Amino acid sequence: MEVDEKFHAVGERSRDDVMNDRQMIELSLPSSFGYEKVAMESAAAVAKMMGFTLDRIEDLKTAVGEACGNAIEHGNRQNASVKVLVVLTVEEAKLQIDVHDEGGGIKREIKQPNIEEKLAGKDTTRGWGMFLIKSLMDEVTFETKPGNGNVTRMIIHLRTS
């Protein structure tokens, strides 16, 4: 994995310097549960540096964890030799997180879970991930890459008021 040398200097720069430059951080993770926490904590560290509130950082961590979990389980079928690529892109007032896997694509419409059915035990307790991601982030797209793979793109905007 090639690491941008500017990434190493980010911790030494001011928040304004970081937000005025477009910064990219890439993480290549094995498709094994537990590694999604690396992406979650990395995204949280970047968001904190950008000045996001703690509530928004927690939303971000949940969404990143869900997206990585989907990539690990559904995209890469928990094959640890197949990587999940997470790209964090810092721009002036937003953080974009792209989660790439090598799966066959999303084959169904994203529906809002029926909470009453789930609580009554009439529906599986699973199936909340994509709904949560869409609910917690400001912008979300789910794309199938030409050939093979998926990208979940999440954008969270820094709110100054």
Protein backbone atom coordinates (compact mmCIF):
# COMPACT_ATOMS: atom_id res chain seq x y z
CA MET A 1 0.00 0.00 0.00
CA GLU A 2 1.33 3.41 -0.97
CA VAL A 3 0.82 6.11 1.64
CA ASP A 4 0.66 9.80 0.76
CA GLU A 5 3.55 11.51 2.54
CA LYS A 6 1.30 14.48 3.34
CA PHE A 7 -0.72 12.17 5.61
CA HIS A 8 2.19 11.83 8.03
CA ALA A 9 2.39 15.60 8.42
CA VAL A 10 -1.34 16.15 9.02
CA GLY A 11 -1.06 15.78 12.81
CA GLU A 12 1.49 18.61 12.87
CA ARG A 13 -0.63 21.02 10.82
CA SER A 14 -3.39 23.31 11.95
CA ARG A 15 -7.06 22.49 11.42
CA ASP A 16 -7.30 25.33 8.88
CA ASP A 17 -4.34 23.96 6.89
CA VAL A 18 -5.91 20.51 6.78
CA MET A 19 -9.27 21.83 5.63
CA ASN A 20 -7.79 24.08 2.92
CA ASP A 21 -5.97 21.20 1.23
CA ARG A 22 -7.64 18.14 -0.23
CA GLN A 23 -6.20 15.24 1.72
CA MET A 24 -6.69 11.55 0.97
CA ILE A 25 -6.02 8.67 3.34
CA GLU A 26 -6.26 5.09 2.08
CA LEU A 27 -6.72 2.03 4.26
CA SER A 28 -6.49 -1.50 2.90
CA LEU A 29 -8.17 -3.92 5.31
CA PRO A 30 -8.50 -7.71 5.35
CA SER A 31 -12.09 -8.91 4.95
CA SER A 32 -12.29 -10.19 8.51
CA PHE A 33 -14.60 -8.82 11.17
CA GLY A 34 -12.79 -6.61 13.64
CA TYR A 35 -10.85 -4.67 11.02
CA GLU A 36 -13.83 -2.36 10.43
CA LYS A 37 -12.85 -0.78 13.76
CA VAL A 38 -9.61 0.46 12.18
CA ALA A 39 -11.64 2.35 9.57
CA MET A 40 -14.06 3.64 12.21
CA GLU A 41 -11.30 5.02 14.42
CA SER A 42 -9.41 6.47 11.46
CA ALA A 43 -12.51 8.29 10.23
CA ALA A 44 -13.20 9.52 13.77
CA ALA A 45 -9.65 10.88 14.14
CA VAL A 46 -9.91 12.77 10.85
CA ALA A 47 -13.38 14.13 11.71
CA LYS A 48 -12.14 15.28 15.11
CA MET A 49 -9.22 17.08 13.47
CA MET A 50 -11.70 18.78 11.11
CA GLY A 51 -13.83 20.02 14.03
CA PHE A 52 -16.88 17.76 13.83
CA THR A 53 -18.99 17.51 16.99
CA LEU A 54 -18.84 14.33 19.06
CA ASP A 55 -22.41 13.42 18.05
CA ARG A 56 -21.54 13.68 14.34
CA ILE A 57 -18.36 11.67 14.90
CA GLU A 58 -20.40 8.89 16.51
CA ASP A 59 -22.80 8.95 13.54
CA LEU A 60 -19.81 8.72 11.22
CA LYS A 61 -18.30 5.80 13.12
CA THR A 62 -21.59 3.89 12.98
CA ALA A 63 -21.99 4.48 9.23
CA VAL A 64 -18.37 3.54 8.46
CA GLY A 65 -18.66 0.41 10.60
CA GLU A 66 -21.84 -0.64 8.80
CA ALA A 67 -20.37 0.04 5.34
CA CYS A 68 -17.19 -1.90 6.13
CA GLY A 69 -19.19 -4.72 7.70
CA ASN A 70 -21.29 -4.98 4.54
CA ALA A 71 -18.15 -4.98 2.39
CA ILE A 72 -16.55 -7.70 4.53
CA GLU A 73 -19.63 -9.94 4.78
CA HIS A 74 -21.61 -9.43 1.60
CA GLY A 75 -19.04 -8.04 -0.82
CA ASN A 76 -15.94 -10.07 -0.05
CA ARG A 77 -17.64 -13.01 1.69
CA GLN A 78 -15.26 -12.79 4.68
CA ASN A 79 -12.33 -13.88 2.53
CA ALA A 80 -9.43 -12.34 4.48
CA SER A 81 -7.19 -12.39 1.41
CA VAL A 82 -9.60 -10.03 -0.39
CA LYS A 83 -9.19 -6.44 0.75
CA VAL A 84 -11.68 -3.74 1.64
CA LEU A 85 -10.33 -0.38 0.52
CA VAL A 86 -11.43 2.63 2.54
CA VAL A 87 -10.59 6.07 1.16
CA LEU A 88 -11.10 9.12 3.37
CA THR A 89 -11.10 12.40 1.44
CA VAL A 90 -10.91 15.62 3.44
CA GLU A 91 -12.18 18.71 1.69
CA GLU A 92 -12.89 22.20 2.95
CA ALA A 93 -16.15 21.52 4.77
CA LYS A 94 -16.84 17.84 4.19
CA LEU A 95 -15.43 14.39 4.70
CA GLN A 96 -16.04 11.77 2.03
CA ILE A 97 -15.59 8.09 2.82
CA ASP A 98 -15.54 5.53 0.01
CA VAL A 99 -15.69 1.85 0.97
CA HIS A 100 -14.71 -0.49 -1.89
CA ASP A 101 -15.23 -4.24 -2.02
CA GLU A 102 -14.91 -6.87 -4.74
CA GLY A 103 -18.44 -8.29 -4.58
CA GLY A 104 -21.07 -8.72 -7.24
CA GLY A 105 -23.18 -5.69 -6.45
CA ILE A 106 -26.26 -4.69 -4.52
CA LYS A 107 -29.16 -6.66 -5.93
CA ARG A 108 -32.08 -5.20 -4.04
CA GLU A 109 -33.77 -1.92 -3.30
CA ILE A 110 -32.88 -0.28 0.00
CA LYS A 111 -36.02 -0.23 2.11
CA GLN A 112 -36.75 1.25 5.48
CA PRO A 113 -36.94 -1.58 8.02
CA ASN A 114 -40.32 -2.27 9.60
CA ILE A 115 -39.48 -1.61 13.23
CA GLU A 116 -42.73 -3.06 14.59
CA GLU A 117 -42.20 -6.35 12.69
CA LYS A 118 -38.62 -6.60 13.89
CA LEU A 119 -39.57 -5.89 17.51
CA ALA A 120 -42.41 -8.42 17.33
CA GLY A 121 -39.98 -11.06 16.05
CA LYS A 122 -41.80 -11.32 12.70
CA ASP A 123 -38.76 -10.14 10.74
CA THR A 124 -35.05 -10.76 11.07
CA THR A 125 -33.10 -8.41 13.31
CA ARG A 126 -30.62 -7.97 10.46
CA GLY A 127 -30.94 -5.63 7.51
CA TRP A 128 -30.44 -2.26 9.20
CA GLY A 129 -27.01 -1.40 7.76
CA MET A 130 -27.81 0.44 4.55
CA PHE A 131 -30.79 2.16 6.17
CA LEU A 132 -28.57 3.38 9.04
CA ILE A 133 -25.89 4.61 6.66
CA LYS A 134 -28.44 6.62 4.68
CA SER A 135 -30.00 7.99 7.87
CA LEU A 136 -26.73 9.09 9.49
CA MET A 137 -24.81 10.61 6.57
CA ASP A 138 -25.63 13.74 4.57
CA GLU A 139 -25.12 12.08 1.17
CA VAL A 140 -24.87 8.39 0.30
CA THR A 141 -24.55 6.45 -2.93
CA PHE A 142 -24.20 2.73 -3.52
CA GLU A 143 -22.51 1.94 -6.83
CA THR A 144 -21.55 -1.25 -8.63
CA LYS A 145 -18.17 -0.88 -10.33
CA PRO A 146 -17.76 -2.06 -13.92
CA GLY A 147 -16.38 -5.57 -13.85
CA ASN A 148 -16.60 -6.50 -10.20
CA GLY A 149 -17.07 -4.68 -6.95
CA ASN A 150 -19.05 -2.08 -5.10
CA VAL A 151 -18.43 1.36 -3.68
CA THR A 152 -20.37 2.83 -0.81
CA ARG A 153 -19.76 6.59 -0.87
CA MET A 154 -20.68 8.54 2.24
CA ILE A 155 -20.35 12.30 2.70
CA ILE A 156 -20.71 14.16 5.95
CA HIS A 157 -20.69 17.96 5.98
CA LEU A 158 -19.06 20.07 8.66
CA ARG A 159 -21.71 22.31 10.13
CA THR A 160 -20.41 25.54 11.60
CA SER A 161 -23.68 26.79 13.07
